[in-house]
Protein backbone atom coordinates (compact mmCIF):
# COMPACT_ATOMS: atom_id res chain seq x y z
CA MET A 1 50.75 -104.11 14.04
CA LEU A 2 47.52 -103.58 12.18
CA ALA A 3 47.48 -100.09 13.65
CA LEU A 4 50.70 -99.51 11.72
CA LEU A 5 48.90 -100.48 8.53
CA ALA A 6 46.31 -97.80 9.20
CA ALA A 7 49.01 -95.17 9.59
CA THR A 8 49.14 -94.60 5.83
CA ALA A 9 46.15 -92.24 5.99
CA LEU A 10 48.24 -89.06 5.77
CA ALA A 11 47.86 -86.10 3.46
CA ALA A 12 48.66 -86.58 -0.21
CA THR A 13 51.06 -83.62 -0.09
CA PRO A 14 54.62 -84.88 0.38
CA PRO A 15 55.77 -84.21 3.95
CA THR A 16 58.73 -82.03 4.74
CA GLY A 17 61.33 -83.16 7.19
CA SER A 18 64.91 -83.04 8.35
CA PRO A 19 67.48 -85.76 8.99
CA ALA A 20 66.93 -85.36 12.73
CA ALA A 21 63.17 -85.85 12.34
CA TRP A 22 63.65 -88.82 10.01
CA ASP A 23 66.04 -90.34 12.53
CA ARG A 24 63.44 -90.07 15.32
CA ILE A 25 60.62 -91.45 13.18
CA THR A 26 62.63 -94.43 11.95
CA GLU A 27 64.05 -95.39 15.33
CA ALA A 28 60.59 -95.18 16.93
CA ALA A 29 59.14 -97.41 14.19
CA ARG A 30 62.01 -99.87 14.57
CA VAL A 31 61.45 -100.22 18.30
CA GLU A 32 57.66 -100.46 18.00
CA SER A 33 57.89 -103.14 15.31
CA HIS A 34 60.48 -105.20 17.23
CA THR A 35 62.89 -105.03 14.31
CA PRO A 36 66.56 -105.51 15.25
CA GLY A 37 68.04 -103.42 12.45
CA VAL A 38 66.82 -101.13 9.66
CA ALA A 39 68.64 -99.07 7.03
CA VAL A 40 66.80 -96.32 5.15
CA ALA A 41 67.57 -94.20 2.08
CA LEU A 42 65.51 -91.33 0.67
CA ILE A 43 65.88 -90.25 -2.95
CA GLU A 44 64.47 -86.92 -4.17
CA ASN A 45 64.76 -85.54 -7.71
CA GLY A 46 66.81 -88.59 -8.58
CA THR A 47 69.42 -87.83 -5.91
CA VAL A 48 70.13 -89.60 -2.63
CA VAL A 49 69.44 -87.04 0.09
CA TYR A 50 69.40 -89.19 3.23
CA THR A 51 70.73 -92.56 4.37
CA HIS A 52 70.94 -93.91 7.89
CA ALA A 53 71.17 -97.25 9.72
CA PHE A 54 69.62 -98.06 13.07
CA GLY A 55 69.82 -100.90 15.56
CA GLN A 56 71.73 -104.16 15.40
CA ALA A 57 73.32 -106.14 12.55
CA ALA A 58 73.66 -109.08 14.94
CA ALA A 59 73.35 -109.72 18.65
CA ASP A 60 76.83 -108.29 19.25
CA ARG A 61 77.25 -105.81 16.37
CA PRO A 62 75.60 -102.53 15.36
CA LEU A 63 74.16 -101.93 11.90
CA HIS A 64 76.00 -99.41 9.69
CA ARG A 65 75.22 -97.85 6.33
CA ASP A 66 77.88 -100.05 4.72
CA THR A 67 76.84 -103.23 6.52
CA VAL A 68 76.13 -105.96 3.96
CA MET A 69 72.46 -106.95 4.11
CA TYR A 70 70.41 -109.45 2.16
CA GLY A 71 68.60 -107.82 -0.77
CA ALA A 72 66.09 -110.69 -1.16
CA SER A 73 63.60 -110.19 -3.99
CA ILE A 74 64.67 -106.64 -4.74
CA THR A 75 67.24 -108.64 -6.71
CA LYS A 76 64.44 -109.25 -9.24
CA ALA A 77 64.09 -105.52 -9.94
CA VAL A 78 67.85 -105.12 -10.40
CA PHE A 79 67.85 -108.12 -12.74
CA SER A 80 64.96 -106.60 -14.69
CA SER A 81 66.99 -103.45 -15.30
CA TYR A 82 69.74 -105.64 -16.78
CA VAL A 83 67.21 -107.48 -18.96
CA MET A 84 66.01 -104.15 -20.30
CA MET A 85 69.59 -103.27 -21.23
CA LEU A 86 69.61 -106.40 -23.39
CA VAL A 87 66.31 -105.34 -24.95
CA ASP A 88 67.77 -101.89 -25.65
CA GLU A 89 70.71 -103.52 -27.41
CA GLY A 90 68.55 -105.83 -29.52
CA LYS A 91 69.95 -108.94 -27.84
CA LEU A 92 66.61 -109.97 -26.32
CA THR A 93 63.00 -109.61 -27.44
CA LEU A 94 60.40 -109.50 -24.69
CA ASP A 95 57.70 -111.29 -26.67
CA ALA A 96 59.79 -113.92 -28.43
CA PRO A 97 59.58 -117.33 -26.73
CA ILE A 98 62.66 -118.12 -24.66
CA ALA A 99 62.88 -121.29 -26.77
CA SER A 100 64.28 -119.09 -29.54
CA LEU A 101 67.26 -118.22 -27.33
CA MET A 102 68.39 -121.71 -26.42
CA PRO A 103 70.20 -124.26 -28.60
CA LYS A 104 67.98 -127.16 -27.53
CA PRO A 105 64.45 -127.61 -26.11
CA LEU A 106 64.07 -126.59 -22.47
CA PRO A 107 63.07 -130.08 -21.19
CA GLU A 108 66.32 -131.49 -22.56
CA TYR A 109 68.18 -129.58 -19.86
CA ASP A 110 68.19 -131.68 -16.69
CA LYS A 111 66.95 -128.83 -14.52
CA TYR A 112 63.78 -128.54 -16.62
CA LYS A 113 63.11 -132.18 -17.48
CA ASP A 114 59.86 -132.01 -15.43
CA LEU A 115 58.30 -130.10 -18.34
CA ALA A 116 58.86 -132.84 -20.91
CA ASP A 117 55.17 -133.77 -21.04
CA ASP A 118 53.83 -130.18 -21.09
CA PRO A 119 54.33 -128.44 -24.44
CA ARG A 120 53.20 -125.11 -22.99
CA TRP A 121 56.79 -124.37 -21.97
CA ALA A 122 57.43 -123.39 -25.60
CA LYS A 123 55.00 -120.44 -25.28
CA ILE A 124 56.81 -118.78 -22.37
CA THR A 125 58.39 -115.39 -23.14
CA PRO A 126 60.63 -113.00 -21.16
CA ARG A 127 57.65 -110.68 -20.67
CA MET A 128 55.65 -113.50 -19.08
CA LEU A 129 58.52 -114.36 -16.76
CA LEU A 130 59.02 -110.73 -15.67
CA THR A 131 55.28 -110.19 -15.11
CA HIS A 132 55.02 -113.46 -13.13
CA SER A 133 52.57 -115.02 -15.57
CA SER A 134 54.46 -118.16 -16.61
CA GLY A 135 52.18 -120.51 -14.68
CA PHE A 136 54.86 -121.73 -12.27
CA ALA A 137 54.56 -121.83 -8.51
CA ASN A 138 56.87 -119.49 -6.59
CA PHE A 139 59.42 -122.31 -6.36
CA ARG A 140 59.24 -125.97 -7.31
CA PHE A 141 60.15 -127.08 -3.80
CA LEU A 142 56.75 -125.73 -2.71
CA GLU A 143 54.95 -128.21 -4.96
CA PRO A 144 53.62 -131.36 -3.23
CA ASP A 145 55.86 -133.55 -5.40
CA GLY A 146 58.77 -131.10 -5.50
CA LYS A 147 58.62 -130.91 -9.29
CA LEU A 148 58.12 -128.04 -11.72
CA HIS A 149 54.60 -127.65 -13.12
CA ILE A 150 52.78 -125.14 -15.35
CA HIS A 151 49.45 -124.44 -13.62
CA PHE A 152 47.75 -122.32 -16.29
CA GLU A 153 48.16 -121.10 -19.83
CA PRO A 154 51.33 -118.96 -19.88
CA GLY A 155 50.46 -115.26 -19.91
CA ALA A 156 46.89 -115.78 -18.68
CA ARG A 157 47.23 -114.35 -15.15
CA TYR A 158 49.59 -113.15 -12.44
CA ALA A 159 51.08 -115.67 -10.01
CA TYR A 160 54.32 -114.64 -8.27
CA SER A 161 57.17 -116.93 -9.28
CA GLY A 162 60.82 -116.74 -8.37
CA GLU A 163 61.12 -119.93 -10.39
CA GLY A 164 60.17 -117.95 -13.49
CA ILE A 165 62.80 -115.27 -12.87
CA ASN A 166 65.46 -117.95 -12.47
CA LEU A 167 64.31 -119.52 -15.75
CA LEU A 168 64.87 -116.20 -17.54
CA GLN A 169 68.36 -116.07 -16.04
CA PHE A 170 68.98 -119.62 -17.31
CA ALA A 171 67.72 -118.77 -20.79
CA ILE A 172 69.90 -115.65 -21.02
CA GLU A 173 73.01 -117.41 -19.75
CA THR A 174 72.45 -120.44 -21.99
CA GLY A 175 71.43 -118.54 -25.10
CA LEU A 176 73.76 -115.55 -24.92
CA GLY A 177 76.73 -117.26 -23.29
CA VAL A 178 77.03 -114.81 -20.41
CA SER A 179 77.13 -114.96 -16.61
CA VAL A 180 74.33 -112.85 -15.12
CA GLY A 181 76.29 -112.31 -11.91
CA ALA A 182 79.33 -111.07 -13.80
CA GLU A 183 77.21 -108.94 -16.13
CA LEU A 184 75.40 -107.20 -13.28
CA LYS A 185 78.74 -106.50 -11.64
CA ARG A 186 80.25 -105.08 -14.82
CA ARG A 187 77.24 -103.18 -16.16
CA ILE A 188 75.61 -101.93 -12.96
CA PHE A 189 77.50 -102.48 -9.71
CA ASP A 190 80.96 -101.37 -10.88
CA ARG A 191 79.53 -98.58 -13.02
CA LEU A 192 77.60 -97.08 -10.09
CA GLY A 193 80.29 -97.60 -7.46
CA MET A 194 78.39 -100.38 -5.65
CA ALA A 195 81.55 -101.97 -4.26
CA ARG A 196 79.77 -104.00 -1.57
CA THR A 197 77.06 -105.53 -3.77
CA SER A 198 77.15 -108.97 -5.34
CA LEU A 199 74.85 -111.82 -6.36
CA THR A 200 77.12 -114.21 -4.44
CA TRP A 201 78.87 -113.95 -1.09
CA ARG A 202 82.35 -112.44 -1.09
CA PRO A 203 84.91 -112.99 1.71
CA GLU A 204 85.51 -109.24 2.08
CA PHE A 205 81.92 -108.90 3.36
CA ALA A 206 82.81 -110.87 6.50
CA PRO A 207 83.92 -107.99 8.77
CA ASP A 208 80.56 -106.20 8.57
CA PHE A 209 77.42 -108.09 7.57
CA ALA A 210 73.93 -108.51 9.00
CA ASP A 211 72.48 -111.67 10.44
CA GLY A 212 68.69 -111.83 10.65
CA MET A 213 65.96 -112.39 13.19
CA ASN A 214 62.86 -114.48 12.54
CA ALA A 215 59.31 -113.75 13.68
CA GLU A 216 59.93 -115.66 16.91
CA GLY A 217 62.84 -113.38 17.84
CA ARG A 218 65.60 -115.91 17.13
CA TRP A 219 68.80 -114.81 15.41
CA LEU A 220 69.61 -116.66 12.17
CA VAL A 221 73.01 -116.51 10.49
CA HIS A 222 73.45 -114.69 7.18
CA ASP A 223 73.23 -117.16 4.29
CA GLN A 224 76.50 -116.98 2.36
CA ARG A 225 75.01 -117.74 -1.06
CA GLY A 226 77.41 -119.39 -3.47
CA SER A 227 75.18 -119.48 -6.57
CA VAL A 228 73.77 -116.59 -8.60
CA ARG A 229 69.97 -116.53 -8.43
CA ALA A 230 68.29 -113.65 -10.23
CA ALA A 231 65.20 -114.25 -8.11
CA GLY A 232 66.97 -113.25 -4.92
CA SER A 233 70.66 -113.89 -4.14
CA MET A 234 71.89 -110.29 -3.93
CA ASP A 235 73.88 -108.99 -0.97
CA THR A 236 74.11 -105.21 -0.78
CA THR A 237 74.22 -102.18 1.50
CA VAL A 238 71.79 -99.33 1.84
CA ASP A 239 74.35 -96.88 0.43
CA ASP A 240 75.04 -99.12 -2.56
CA LEU A 241 71.45 -99.94 -3.42
CA ALA A 242 70.42 -96.31 -3.06
CA ARG A 243 72.88 -95.47 -5.86
CA TRP A 244 71.07 -97.88 -8.17
CA VAL A 245 67.65 -96.55 -7.16
CA ALA A 246 68.78 -92.99 -7.87
CA ALA A 247 70.06 -94.09 -11.29
CA ILE A 248 66.74 -95.76 -12.11
CA VAL A 249 64.62 -92.71 -11.30
CA GLY A 250 67.18 -90.09 -12.28
CA GLY A 251 68.43 -91.65 -15.49
CA GLY A 252 71.78 -93.12 -16.42
CA VAL A 253 71.05 -96.86 -16.35
CA LEU A 254 68.40 -97.33 -19.03
CA SER A 255 67.20 -95.45 -22.07
CA PRO A 256 63.94 -93.54 -21.48
CA LYS A 257 62.13 -96.05 -23.70
CA ALA A 258 63.43 -99.10 -21.83
CA ARG A 259 62.75 -97.53 -18.44
CA ALA A 260 59.18 -96.65 -19.40
CA GLU A 261 58.52 -100.19 -20.64
CA MET A 262 59.99 -101.76 -17.50
CA LEU A 263 57.78 -99.70 -15.19
CA ARG A 264 54.55 -99.74 -17.22
CA GLY A 265 51.63 -101.59 -15.67
CA GLN A 266 51.01 -104.50 -18.05
CA LEU A 267 48.99 -107.23 -16.35
CA ALA A 268 46.16 -107.11 -13.83
CA LEU A 269 47.05 -108.61 -10.46
CA ALA A 270 45.19 -111.74 -9.38
CA GLY A 271 44.52 -112.93 -5.86
CA ALA A 272 43.37 -111.33 -2.65
CA HIS A 273 47.03 -111.17 -1.62
CA GLN A 274 50.32 -111.70 -3.39
CA PHE A 275 50.84 -114.88 -1.36
CA PRO A 276 49.77 -117.68 -1.46
CA THR A 277 50.43 -117.67 -5.21
CA PHE A 278 47.35 -119.15 -6.86
CA PRO A 279 44.10 -118.44 -4.92
CA GLU A 280 41.79 -115.87 -6.53
CA GLY A 281 39.83 -113.17 -4.72
CA PRO A 282 39.14 -109.43 -4.46
CA ASN A 283 41.38 -106.92 -2.71
CA ALA A 284 40.36 -103.32 -2.06
CA ASP A 285 43.90 -101.87 -1.98
CA ARG A 286 44.89 -103.64 -5.19
CA ASP A 287 41.83 -102.32 -7.03
CA ARG A 288 41.75 -98.83 -5.49
CA PHE A 289 45.36 -98.10 -6.50
CA HIS A 290 45.13 -99.78 -9.93
CA ALA A 291 48.03 -102.05 -9.05
CA MET A 292 49.39 -104.00 -12.02
CA ALA A 293 52.39 -106.15 -12.80
CA ALA A 294 55.21 -104.29 -14.53
CA LEU A 295 58.47 -105.97 -15.58
CA GLY A 296 59.96 -107.11 -12.29
CA TRP A 297 58.00 -104.47 -10.39
CA ILE A 298 54.45 -103.57 -9.35
CA ALA A 299 53.04 -100.34 -10.82
CA PHE A 300 50.29 -98.38 -9.06
CA GLU A 301 48.48 -95.04 -9.11
CA GLY A 302 47.94 -93.21 -5.82
CA PRO A 303 47.10 -89.74 -4.52
CA GLN A 304 50.42 -88.41 -5.82
CA GLY A 305 50.17 -90.06 -9.22
CA LYS A 306 52.01 -93.00 -10.71
CA GLY A 307 54.43 -95.06 -8.72
CA PHE A 308 56.16 -98.42 -8.65
CA TYR A 309 57.54 -100.65 -5.94
CA LYS A 310 59.24 -103.94 -5.11
CA GLY A 311 59.44 -105.88 -1.87
CA GLY A 312 61.80 -108.57 -0.68
CA HIS A 313 61.10 -111.09 2.07
CA ASP A 314 62.19 -114.28 3.74
CA ASP A 315 62.15 -115.62 7.28
CA GLN A 316 64.80 -113.15 8.44
CA THR A 317 64.46 -110.30 5.94
CA ASP A 318 61.85 -107.70 4.99
CA ASN A 319 62.77 -105.04 2.43
CA SER A 320 60.77 -102.39 0.61
CA LEU A 321 61.43 -100.00 -2.26
CA VAL A 322 58.69 -97.49 -3.15
CA CYS A 323 59.10 -94.85 -5.87
CA LEU A 324 56.87 -92.01 -7.06
CA GLU A 325 57.27 -90.57 -10.54
CA ALA A 326 56.33 -87.09 -9.28
CA GLY A 327 59.54 -85.55 -8.00
CA ARG A 328 61.46 -88.77 -8.78
CA ARG A 329 61.17 -89.71 -5.12
CA CYS A 330 61.88 -93.12 -3.56
CA LEU A 331 62.13 -94.67 -0.14
CA LEU A 332 64.37 -97.73 0.29
CA ILE A 333 64.03 -99.77 3.50
CA LEU A 334 66.26 -102.75 4.30
CA THR A 335 65.71 -104.77 7.47
CA ASN A 336 67.20 -107.91 9.00
CA SER A 337 63.86 -109.02 10.41
CA GLY A 338 61.13 -111.44 9.43
CA VAL A 339 58.59 -108.88 10.63
CA GLY A 340 60.21 -105.69 9.38
CA ALA A 341 57.20 -105.08 7.14
CA ARG A 342 55.33 -103.92 10.22
CA MET A 343 57.03 -100.53 9.86
CA PHE A 344 56.72 -100.09 6.08
CA PRO A 345 53.36 -98.26 5.95
CA THR A 346 54.38 -95.88 8.74
CA LEU A 347 57.80 -95.06 7.28
CA THR A 348 56.53 -94.74 3.72
CA ALA A 349 53.79 -92.34 4.83
CA SER A 350 56.24 -90.34 6.96
CA PHE A 351 58.87 -89.95 4.22
CA LEU A 352 56.73 -89.86 1.06
CA GLY A 353 53.21 -88.96 2.22
CA ASP A 354 50.18 -90.97 1.13
CA ALA A 355 51.75 -92.82 -1.77
CA GLY A 356 49.01 -95.33 -2.57
CA VAL A 357 51.01 -98.53 -2.13
CA PRO A 358 48.62 -101.53 -2.09
CA TRP A 359 49.86 -102.79 1.27
CA GLY A 360 46.74 -104.89 1.78
CA TRP A 361 47.59 -106.91 -1.33
CA GLU A 362 51.35 -107.06 -0.83
CA TYR A 363 50.96 -108.47 2.68
CA ASN A 364 48.36 -110.80 4.14
CA PRO A 365 47.22 -109.26 7.47
CA VAL A 366 46.00 -112.65 8.64
CA LEU A 367 49.60 -113.82 8.45
CA ALA A 368 50.93 -110.83 10.41
CA LEU A 369 51.92 -108.94 7.25
CA LYS A 370 54.25 -111.79 6.35
CA PRO A 371 53.53 -114.06 3.37
C-alpha cells in the first residue's frame, strides 16, 4: 500500500492516454488495492471526456456508471458551491456572524444548547465553518461526553469539522427559511441533469445502488439516509457528479468571482495529518505543496500549478476529487471500499500526472491511509 503512495513520482507533464489504457490502469489498481468497486471520471477543458465503472456494487451485482454510490464528504464541496450562490445573490455574507441570520441565539435551539455557557459561538461566521476553523470536533459524538464544545478561538486554526458544516446548513435553513436539500436539487442537480443525485435516499435508487466493504473485507449495506446533512448525506453516480465537476471548472454554476473565492487558499492547515482533528505537528507534503483550507475544499500548488481537491471517507467509502486549474482538468474517483484510498495516488498520477496533492497530510499512513 505504501508503495502505491510512492507512485506519485511521475513527470509533471500531463500524461496522454486512451480509454483502453485508462481502463487497464484503473482495473489493475482496483485489484491491487482490494477495492470491490470503483467509478472514475476524467474532465479536461471543463468537459467530461471519460467515465467508467469497474468491479462490484455488491456481492451479487456489478457496478455501473449510473449505480448510486455514497458521495460522503464530497457533499461538503457541493454544499459550498450552493453557499457561494447565496453570497453571489447578497443573501449571505461570509464574514458576518451566523448569529445575524437567526431569529434567536444559537443556544436557545435545543440542538445547540451545549453552547449556552460559551459565548464564543457568537463569533462564528460562514467563512470559519467552510474553512473548518470553528473550534468544533469533527462530530459531537466523538467527544468523551457526547456534547458539542468549542476547543479554540473561532477562526484561529484549521480542525476538520463536519459538525461545523451542518451548523452552517442549520443557520441557512433557519435564517433564510429554505430547505438545503430542496435548494440543491432545484439549483444544481435538476439544472445539470443529475437525476440520480440527492441528499436523501429515494426509492427509485433501489434497483441499482452500491453497498460497501470495510477494511476487513466485510460487506456493509448502503445507508438509506433520511435526513439532509450538508456534511455528507449525498447519494450520487459517477456520471451525475462528473457533470457538476465539469460545471465547476468549466463555468456555469458560479460567477467567476464566487468561484475564485471558494477555491482560494485562505487558512494554513494545522496538524501532521487531517485526522485526528486537533493534534499539531509538521507534515512535509502539506508544506511542500502549500496546502491551505479553501471554502469547503483544500487548495494546493504543485508541479502543474494551482489545484484544489476534496475527499470523502467512511468505513465503507473512499472518494477523491482532484482538479488542476491548468487545462481545467479533474479526476473524480468514487469507491465502495473503506480502503479505496490505496489507489488514489496511482490513479491521480496516471490520469493527471504529478499533481502535487498532499496525500501524506490527507491520509495517515500509520492508519493504512484511512483516518
